[in-house]
């Protein structure tokens, strides 16, 4: 998971902002579902 997304998720959980948590969760699943090609880093390197 990218650090910027992790930071935003932690902030949203701390503020108990359920709308932001849902949005960021959707972003994470979209990010993970993108097909990896040679120019992109793999998801395993981000974890």
PDB file of N, CA and C in Angstrom:
ATOM      1  N   UNK A   1       0.855  -1.176   0.000  1.00  0.00           N
ATOM      2  CA  UNK A   1       0.000   0.000   0.000  1.00  0.00           C
ATOM      3  C   UNK A   1       0.899   1.237   0.000  1.00  0.00           C
ATOM      4  N   UNK A   2       0.609   2.182  -0.874  1.00  0.00           N
ATOM      5  CA  UNK A   2       1.411   3.409  -0.896  1.00  0.00           C
ATOM      6  C   UNK A   2       1.321   4.156   0.440  1.00  0.00           C
ATOM      7  N   UNK A   3       2.405   4.812   0.798  1.00  0.00           N
ATOM      8  CA  UNK A   3       2.456   5.499   2.092  1.00  0.00           C
ATOM      9  C   UNK A   3       1.418   6.612   2.189  1.00  0.00           C
ATOM     10  N   UNK A   4       1.172   7.329   1.092  1.00  0.00           N
ATOM     11  CA  UNK A   4       0.201   8.421   1.144  1.00  0.00           C
ATOM     12  C   UNK A   4      -1.196   7.886   1.463  1.00  0.00           C
ATOM     13  N   UNK A   5      -1.526   6.712   0.911  1.00  0.00           N
ATOM     14  CA  UNK A   5      -2.838   6.124   1.160  1.00  0.00           C
ATOM     15  C   UNK A   5      -2.940   5.617   2.593  1.00  0.00           C
ATOM     16  N   UNK A   6      -1.876   5.025   3.074  1.00  0.00           N
ATOM     17  CA  UNK A   6      -1.839   4.553   4.457  1.00  0.00           C
ATOM     18  C   UNK A   6      -2.022   5.719   5.430  1.00  0.00           C
ATOM     19  N   UNK A   7      -1.340   6.833   5.176  1.00  0.00           N
ATOM     20  CA  UNK A   7      -1.463   8.012   6.041  1.00  0.00           C
ATOM     21  C   UNK A   7      -2.891   8.560   6.045  1.00  0.00           C
ATOM     22  N   UNK A   8      -3.490   8.621   4.866  1.00  0.00           N
ATOM     23  CA  UNK A   8      -4.852   9.146   4.787  1.00  0.00           C
ATOM     24  C   UNK A   8      -5.850   8.219   5.471  1.00  0.00           C
ATOM     25  N   UNK A   9      -5.640   6.901   5.346  1.00  0.00           N
ATOM     26  CA  UNK A   9      -6.517   5.954   6.031  1.00  0.00           C
ATOM     27  C   UNK A   9      -6.400   6.092   7.541  1.00  0.00           C
ATOM     28  N   UNK A  10      -5.177   6.226   8.037  1.00  0.00           N
ATOM     29  CA  UNK A  10      -4.988   6.393   9.479  1.00  0.00           C
ATOM     30  C   UNK A  10      -5.669   7.669   9.970  1.00  0.00           C
ATOM     31  N   UNK A  11      -5.547   8.749   9.203  1.00  0.00           N
ATOM     32  CA  UNK A  11      -6.178  10.014   9.574  1.00  0.00           C
ATOM     33  C   UNK A  11      -7.706   9.869   9.582  1.00  0.00           C
ATOM     34  N   UNK A  12      -8.249   9.187   8.564  1.00  0.00           N
ATOM     35  CA  UNK A  12      -9.699   9.004   8.481  1.00  0.00           C
ATOM     36  C   UNK A  12     -10.217   8.146   9.635  1.00  0.00           C
ATOM     37  N   UNK A  13      -9.476   7.088   9.995  1.00  0.00           N
ATOM     38  CA  UNK A  13      -9.898   6.257  11.125  1.00  0.00           C
ATOM     39  C   UNK A  13      -9.821   7.043  12.425  1.00  0.00           C
ATOM     40  N   UNK A  14      -8.783   7.850  12.567  1.00  0.00           N
ATOM     41  CA  UNK A  14      -8.634   8.653  13.784  1.00  0.00           C
ATOM     42  C   UNK A  14      -9.793   9.643  13.948  1.00  0.00           C
ATOM     43  N   UNK A  15     -10.212  10.240  12.822  1.00  0.00           N
ATOM     44  CA  UNK A  15     -11.317  11.204  12.853  1.00  0.00           C
ATOM     45  C   UNK A  15     -12.688  10.529  12.801  1.00  0.00           C
ATOM     46  N   UNK A  16     -12.692   9.194  12.632  1.00  0.00           N
ATOM     47  CA  UNK A  16     -13.937   8.420  12.501  1.00  0.00           C
ATOM     48  C   UNK A  16     -14.784   8.941  11.335  1.00  0.00           C
ATOM     49  N   UNK A  17     -14.101   9.228  10.223  1.00  0.00           N
ATOM     50  CA  UNK A  17     -14.746   9.750   9.018  1.00  0.00           C
ATOM     51  C   UNK A  17     -15.101   8.574   8.100  1.00  0.00           C
ATOM     52  N   UNK A  18     -16.297   8.026   8.287  1.00  0.00           N
ATOM     53  CA  UNK A  18     -16.675   6.819   7.545  1.00  0.00           C
ATOM     54  C   UNK A  18     -16.753   7.065   6.036  1.00  0.00           C
ATOM     55  N   UNK A  19     -17.160   8.254   5.627  1.00  0.00           N
ATOM     56  CA  UNK A  19     -17.224   8.557   4.192  1.00  0.00           C
ATOM     57  C   UNK A  19     -15.838   8.503   3.561  1.00  0.00           C
ATOM     58  N   UNK A  20     -14.850   9.084   4.234  1.00  0.00           N
ATOM     59  CA  UNK A  20     -13.481   9.087   3.727  1.00  0.00           C
ATOM     60  C   UNK A  20     -12.892   7.675   3.738  1.00  0.00           C
ATOM     61  N   UNK A  21     -13.206   6.898   4.766  1.00  0.00           N
ATOM     62  CA  UNK A  21     -12.714   5.523   4.849  1.00  0.00           C
ATOM     63  C   UNK A  21     -13.236   4.708   3.670  1.00  0.00           C
ATOM     64  N   UNK A  22     -14.514   4.850   3.358  1.00  0.00           N
ATOM     65  CA  UNK A  22     -15.101   4.122   2.228  1.00  0.00           C
ATOM     66  C   UNK A  22     -14.457   4.548   0.914  1.00  0.00           C
ATOM     67  N   UNK A  23     -14.247   5.840   0.739  1.00  0.00           N
ATOM     68  CA  UNK A  23     -13.632   6.346  -0.482  1.00  0.00           C
ATOM     69  C   UNK A  23     -12.214   5.811  -0.647  1.00  0.00           C
ATOM     70  N   UNK A  24     -11.428   5.864   0.420  1.00  0.00           N
ATOM     71  CA  UNK A  24     -10.052   5.384   0.353  1.00  0.00           C
ATOM     72  C   UNK A  24      -9.998   3.875   0.145  1.00  0.00           C
ATOM     73  N   UNK A  25     -10.951   3.153   0.710  1.00  0.00           N
ATOM     74  CA  UNK A  25     -11.026   1.710   0.504  1.00  0.00           C
ATOM     75  C   UNK A  25     -11.280   1.398  -0.971  1.00  0.00           C
ATOM     76  N   UNK A  26     -12.186   2.152  -1.585  1.00  0.00           N
ATOM     77  CA  UNK A  26     -12.445   1.972  -3.011  1.00  0.00           C
ATOM     78  C   UNK A  26     -11.206   2.304  -3.836  1.00  0.00           C
ATOM     79  N   UNK A  27     -10.477   3.340  -3.443  1.00  0.00           N
ATOM     80  CA  UNK A  27      -9.237   3.704  -4.141  1.00  0.00           C
ATOM     81  C   UNK A  27      -8.224   2.570  -4.075  1.00  0.00           C
ATOM     82  N   UNK A  28      -8.107   1.948  -2.903  1.00  0.00           N
ATOM     83  CA  UNK A  28      -7.150   0.854  -2.730  1.00  0.00           C
ATOM     84  C   UNK A  28      -7.508  -0.332  -3.625  1.00  0.00           C
ATOM     85  N   UNK A  29      -8.794  -0.711  -3.669  1.00  0.00           N
ATOM     86  CA  UNK A  29      -9.186  -1.832  -4.519  1.00  0.00           C
ATOM     87  C   UNK A  29      -9.026  -1.487  -5.993  1.00  0.00           C
ATOM     88  N   UNK A  30      -9.272  -0.253  -6.380  1.00  0.00           N
ATOM     89  CA  UNK A  30      -9.038   0.167  -7.757  1.00  0.00           C
ATOM     90  C   UNK A  30      -7.551   0.093  -8.083  1.00  0.00           C
ATOM     91  N   UNK A  31      -6.714   0.574  -7.180  1.00  0.00           N
ATOM     92  CA  UNK A  31      -5.261   0.559  -7.356  1.00  0.00           C
ATOM     93  C   UNK A  31      -4.754  -0.870  -7.512  1.00  0.00           C
ATOM     94  N   UNK A  32      -5.266  -1.779  -6.684  1.00  0.00           N
ATOM     95  CA  UNK A  32      -4.826  -3.174  -6.734  1.00  0.00           C
ATOM     96  C   UNK A  32      -5.326  -3.883  -7.976  1.00  0.00           C
ATOM     97  N   UNK A  33      -6.472  -3.481  -8.528  1.00  0.00           N
ATOM     98  CA  UNK A  33      -7.065  -4.188  -9.658  1.00  0.00           C
ATOM     99  C   UNK A  33      -6.487  -3.754 -11.000  1.00  0.00           C
ATOM    100  N   UNK A  34      -5.707  -2.656 -11.008  1.00  0.00           N
ATOM    101  CA  UNK A  34      -5.114  -2.209 -12.265  1.00  0.00           C
ATOM    102  C   UNK A  34      -4.130  -3.259 -12.761  1.00  0.00           C
ATOM    103  N   UNK A  35      -4.159  -3.572 -14.047  1.00  0.00           N
ATOM    104  CA  UNK A  35      -3.196  -4.547 -14.564  1.00  0.00           C
ATOM    105  C   UNK A  35      -1.783  -3.969 -14.523  1.00  0.00           C
ATOM    106  N   UNK A  36      -0.853  -4.757 -14.042  1.00  0.00           N
ATOM    107  CA  UNK A  36       0.543  -4.317 -13.953  1.00  0.00           C
ATOM    108  C   UNK A  36       1.202  -4.501 -15.315  1.00  0.00           C
ATOM    109  N   UNK A  37       1.925  -3.486 -15.745  1.00  0.00           N
ATOM    110  CA  UNK A  37       2.728  -3.631 -16.957  1.00  0.00           C
ATOM    111  C   UNK A  37       4.178  -3.326 -16.605  1.00  0.00           C
ATOM    112  N   UNK A  38       5.064  -3.344 -17.560  1.00  0.00           N
ATOM    113  CA  UNK A  38       6.488  -3.186 -17.296  1.00  0.00           C
ATOM    114  C   UNK A  38       6.872  -1.860 -16.680  1.00  0.00           C
ATOM    115  N   UNK A  39       6.105  -0.804 -16.932  1.00  0.00           N
ATOM    116  CA  UNK A  39       6.481   0.511 -16.423  1.00  0.00           C
ATOM    117  C   UNK A  39       5.970   0.774 -15.010  1.00  0.00           C
ATOM    118  N   UNK A  40       5.092  -0.085 -14.503  1.00  0.00           N
ATOM    119  CA  UNK A  40       4.540   0.119 -13.164  1.00  0.00           C
ATOM    120  C   UNK A  40       5.200  -0.828 -12.182  1.00  0.00           C
ATOM    121  N   UNK A  41       5.304  -0.366 -10.929  1.00  0.00           N
ATOM    122  CA  UNK A  41       5.801  -1.240  -9.877  1.00  0.00           C
ATOM    123  C   UNK A  41       4.702  -2.206  -9.485  1.00  0.00           C
ATOM    124  N   UNK A  42       5.076  -3.384  -9.045  1.00  0.00           N
ATOM    125  CA  UNK A  42       4.070  -4.353  -8.627  1.00  0.00           C
ATOM    126  C   UNK A  42       3.554  -4.014  -7.238  1.00  0.00           C
ATOM    127  N   UNK A  43       2.390  -4.515  -6.915  1.00  0.00           N
ATOM    128  CA  UNK A  43       1.755  -4.247  -5.627  1.00  0.00           C
ATOM    129  C   UNK A  43       2.592  -4.823  -4.494  1.00  0.00           C
ATOM    130  N   UNK A  44       3.255  -5.957  -4.720  1.00  0.00           N
ATOM    131  CA  UNK A  44       4.038  -6.584  -3.670  1.00  0.00           C
ATOM    132  C   UNK A  44       5.152  -5.667  -3.177  1.00  0.00           C
ATOM    133  N   UNK A  45       5.696  -4.826  -4.038  1.00  0.00           N
ATOM    134  CA  UNK A  45       6.762  -3.908  -3.638  1.00  0.00           C
ATOM    135  C   UNK A  45       6.243  -2.789  -2.757  1.00  0.00           C
ATOM    136  N   UNK A  46       4.948  -2.523  -2.786  1.00  0.00           N
ATOM    137  CA  UNK A  46       4.365  -1.430  -2.022  1.00  0.00           C
ATOM    138  C   UNK A  46       3.996  -1.839  -0.603  1.00  0.00           C
ATOM    139  N   UNK A  47       3.857  -3.125  -0.373  1.00  0.00           N
ATOM    140  CA  UNK A  47       3.370  -3.593   0.935  1.00  0.00           C
ATOM    141  C   UNK A  47       4.472  -3.526   1.966  1.00  0.00           C
TER     142      UNK A  47
END
